[in-house]
């Protein structure tokens, strides 16, 4: 089940991620490892997630020497999964009705 979190544009991703991880932990306390983009890799955020929720956050970074598209392990699974509903346009655009 998807549990989207919509925030104003002035809310930093890492701040919104605290709310999202808190919800995730409440619904699925068995999840103890989260792969995330590099923007979520700060020490303070990772320390908070581990100490507060018992969740380890591992950042997936782009290789520094690559300028073009590169397939990133773990992140590609999320991108691929997010694309599936887009193939079913009615579900993606009209809420399934």
C-alpha atoms as a PDB file:
ATOM      1  CA  UNK A   1       0.000   0.000   0.000  1.00  0.00           C
ATOM      2  CA  UNK A   2       1.217   3.476  -0.843  1.00  0.00           C
ATOM      3  CA  UNK A   3       1.121   6.128   1.845  1.00  0.00           C
ATOM      4  CA  UNK A   4       2.035   9.348   0.056  1.00  0.00           C
ATOM      5  CA  UNK A   5       3.203  12.384   1.949  1.00  0.00           C
ATOM      6  CA  UNK A   6       2.614  15.755   0.292  1.00  0.00           C
ATOM      7  CA  UNK A   7       4.470  18.727   1.724  1.00  0.00           C
ATOM      8  CA  UNK A   8       4.867  22.393   0.794  1.00  0.00           C
ATOM      9  CA  UNK A   9       7.810  23.115  -1.484  1.00  0.00           C
ATOM     10  CA  UNK A  10       9.755  24.827   1.310  1.00  0.00           C
ATOM     11  CA  UNK A  11       9.967  21.619   3.379  1.00  0.00           C
ATOM     12  CA  UNK A  12      13.335  19.923   2.990  1.00  0.00           C
ATOM     13  CA  UNK A  13      13.217  16.282   1.825  1.00  0.00           C
ATOM     14  CA  UNK A  14      15.109  15.128   4.891  1.00  0.00           C
ATOM     15  CA  UNK A  15      12.558  16.801   7.198  1.00  0.00           C
ATOM     16  CA  UNK A  16       9.656  15.185   5.368  1.00  0.00           C
ATOM     17  CA  UNK A  17      11.508  11.861   5.485  1.00  0.00           C
ATOM     18  CA  UNK A  18      11.396  11.954   9.290  1.00  0.00           C
ATOM     19  CA  UNK A  19       7.605  12.014   9.127  1.00  0.00           C
ATOM     20  CA  UNK A  20       7.541   9.335   6.426  1.00  0.00           C
ATOM     21  CA  UNK A  21       9.945   7.018   8.279  1.00  0.00           C
ATOM     22  CA  UNK A  22       7.973   7.482  11.483  1.00  0.00           C
ATOM     23  CA  UNK A  23       4.800   6.403   9.649  1.00  0.00           C
ATOM     24  CA  UNK A  24       6.650   3.503   8.049  1.00  0.00           C
ATOM     25  CA  UNK A  25       7.950   2.314  11.406  1.00  0.00           C
ATOM     26  CA  UNK A  26       4.479   2.529  12.977  1.00  0.00           C
ATOM     27  CA  UNK A  27       2.959   0.408  10.183  1.00  0.00           C
ATOM     28  CA  UNK A  28       5.921  -1.926   9.578  1.00  0.00           C
ATOM     29  CA  UNK A  29       8.277  -2.152  12.560  1.00  0.00           C
ATOM     30  CA  UNK A  30       9.938  -5.138  10.900  1.00  0.00           C
ATOM     31  CA  UNK A  31      11.596  -2.836   8.328  1.00  0.00           C
ATOM     32  CA  UNK A  32      15.047  -2.002   9.660  1.00  0.00           C
ATOM     33  CA  UNK A  33      16.922  -0.993   6.479  1.00  0.00           C
ATOM     34  CA  UNK A  34      15.987   1.782   4.052  1.00  0.00           C
ATOM     35  CA  UNK A  35      17.887   2.601   0.858  1.00  0.00           C
ATOM     36  CA  UNK A  36      17.634   6.283  -0.057  1.00  0.00           C
ATOM     37  CA  UNK A  37      19.058   8.901  -2.356  1.00  0.00           C
ATOM     38  CA  UNK A  38      22.204  10.765  -1.396  1.00  0.00           C
ATOM     39  CA  UNK A  39      20.154  13.689  -0.036  1.00  0.00           C
ATOM     40  CA  UNK A  40      19.152  11.493   2.897  1.00  0.00           C
ATOM     41  CA  UNK A  41      22.670  10.433   3.761  1.00  0.00           C
ATOM     42  CA  UNK A  42      23.554  13.109   6.303  1.00  0.00           C
ATOM     43  CA  UNK A  43      24.965  11.914   9.616  1.00  0.00           C
ATOM     44  CA  UNK A  44      22.336  13.707  11.705  1.00  0.00           C
ATOM     45  CA  UNK A  45      19.448  12.147   9.766  1.00  0.00           C
ATOM     46  CA  UNK A  46      20.969   8.654   9.768  1.00  0.00           C
ATOM     47  CA  UNK A  47      21.719   8.909  13.496  1.00  0.00           C
ATOM     48  CA  UNK A  48      18.161  10.061  14.219  1.00  0.00           C
ATOM     49  CA  UNK A  49      16.634   7.201  12.202  1.00  0.00           C
ATOM     50  CA  UNK A  50      18.814   4.610  13.929  1.00  0.00           C
ATOM     51  CA  UNK A  51      18.412   5.949  17.473  1.00  0.00           C
ATOM     52  CA  UNK A  52      14.721   6.820  17.286  1.00  0.00           C
ATOM     53  CA  UNK A  53      13.283   4.146  15.014  1.00  0.00           C
ATOM     54  CA  UNK A  54      15.955   1.472  14.793  1.00  0.00           C
ATOM     55  CA  UNK A  55      16.125   2.004  11.025  1.00  0.00           C
ATOM     56  CA  UNK A  56      19.441   2.049   9.184  1.00  0.00           C
ATOM     57  CA  UNK A  57      19.443   4.500   6.263  1.00  0.00           C
ATOM     58  CA  UNK A  58      21.924   3.695   3.508  1.00  0.00           C
ATOM     59  CA  UNK A  59      22.493   6.296   0.825  1.00  0.00           C
ATOM     60  CA  UNK A  60      22.920   5.277  -2.818  1.00  0.00           C
ATOM     61  CA  UNK A  61      25.207   7.777  -4.522  1.00  0.00           C
ATOM     62  CA  UNK A  62      26.021   8.413  -8.155  1.00  0.00           C
ATOM     63  CA  UNK A  63      29.614   7.680  -9.102  1.00  0.00           C
ATOM     64  CA  UNK A  64      31.505  10.982  -8.970  1.00  0.00           C
ATOM     65  CA  UNK A  65      33.148  10.595 -12.384  1.00  0.00           C
ATOM     66  CA  UNK A  66      29.938   9.883 -14.373  1.00  0.00           C
ATOM     67  CA  UNK A  67      27.984  12.699 -16.038  1.00  0.00           C
ATOM     68  CA  UNK A  68      25.416  10.749 -18.055  1.00  0.00           C
ATOM     69  CA  UNK A  69      22.726   8.309 -16.999  1.00  0.00           C
ATOM     70  CA  UNK A  70      23.955   5.463 -14.852  1.00  0.00           C
ATOM     71  CA  UNK A  71      21.959   2.600 -13.409  1.00  0.00           C
ATOM     72  CA  UNK A  72      22.136   2.864  -9.611  1.00  0.00           C
ATOM     73  CA  UNK A  73      21.680  -0.395  -7.700  1.00  0.00           C
ATOM     74  CA  UNK A  74      18.778  -0.379  -5.215  1.00  0.00           C
ATOM     75  CA  UNK A  75      17.438   2.988  -6.434  1.00  0.00           C
ATOM     76  CA  UNK A  76      16.541   1.474  -9.782  1.00  0.00           C
ATOM     77  CA  UNK A  77      14.149  -0.906  -8.022  1.00  0.00           C
ATOM     78  CA  UNK A  78      12.233   2.092  -6.647  1.00  0.00           C
ATOM     79  CA  UNK A  79      12.227   3.932  -9.978  1.00  0.00           C
ATOM     80  CA  UNK A  80      11.026   0.815 -11.781  1.00  0.00           C
ATOM     81  CA  UNK A  81       8.327   0.141  -9.191  1.00  0.00           C
ATOM     82  CA  UNK A  82       7.093   3.731  -9.384  1.00  0.00           C
ATOM     83  CA  UNK A  83       6.799   3.429 -13.153  1.00  0.00           C
ATOM     84  CA  UNK A  84       4.448   0.418 -13.081  1.00  0.00           C
ATOM     85  CA  UNK A  85       1.299   2.379 -12.157  1.00  0.00           C
ATOM     86  CA  UNK A  86       2.078   4.824 -14.961  1.00  0.00           C
ATOM     87  CA  UNK A  87       1.521   2.036 -17.492  1.00  0.00           C
ATOM     88  CA  UNK A  88      -2.010   1.692 -16.111  1.00  0.00           C
ATOM     89  CA  UNK A  89      -2.911   5.304 -16.849  1.00  0.00           C
ATOM     90  CA  UNK A  90      -6.425   5.017 -15.416  1.00  0.00           C
ATOM     91  CA  UNK A  91      -5.007   3.930 -12.031  1.00  0.00           C
ATOM     92  CA  UNK A  92      -2.251   6.521 -12.059  1.00  0.00           C
ATOM     93  CA  UNK A  93      -4.315   9.494 -13.214  1.00  0.00           C
ATOM     94  CA  UNK A  94      -7.845   8.850 -12.051  1.00  0.00           C
ATOM     95  CA  UNK A  95      -7.458   7.017  -8.750  1.00  0.00           C
ATOM     96  CA  UNK A  96      -8.750   3.793 -10.260  1.00  0.00           C
ATOM     97  CA  UNK A  97     -12.230   5.128 -10.978  1.00  0.00           C
END
